[in-house]
Every structure is written in structure tokens, then in C-alpha cells.
Amino acid sequence: MDADSIGRIFACAIGTLSWRPLILTHNDADGLSAGALPARALMRAGRPPDLRVLGRGESPWSGAMAAELAAQSPGGLVVADLGLRRRRCGRTPRRW
């Protein structure tokens, strides 16, 4: 896939987010970079994000994180540098 195609897909994805999306990322060097890139893009698109950096031992897949996210009710969720996990219902993740 070329850079223009990726840019169009990313712009489309940003367009689906409401005000104050949340970026969830890891606290290591590549995680901070992975969170900074979409944060800048979202700010440029007029959707300034909130940022949640997970520390050592925190799991993005835990019940505590699910409760934290539900309490915040973000306008969208961008997950960066946290790996993937197959949905429990057996459906495969959406592909662009």
C-alpha cells in the first residue's frame, strides 16, 4: 500500500472520531512516539485528543482499564503500540 492510500485511510478514520478522542499508548520510547504521531494529526484535524500513557504492569485489556475508559466516555479511541488481541466473540477485527 502506498503512502497516499494510507493517508486517505487515516483521514477517513480521523473523520469518524468525535470531539476529544483518547489515545492509549505505552510508556516506552516507541510507545510515546506512536502516541505523539496521531496526537499531532488529530490536533491538526481540529480534534485535540486526550492521552493516556500506560505504565509498567498496566494492561490495556484489563477490567480496570475498561472501567476507566467507560468512565471517560471518549469521542473515539486510538490504540498505539499496545499489541492486538482477538475479540472474544470470535469476530475478526475490521480491516480497512
Foldseek 3Di string as FASTA:
>chain_A
DDPVVVVVVVVVVLVQFDAAEEEEFEDDPQRVVQRVVVQVVNVVVVRHYHYDYDYPPDACPDPVVVVVCVVVVGRHYHYGHRDDDADPVRDGDDDD
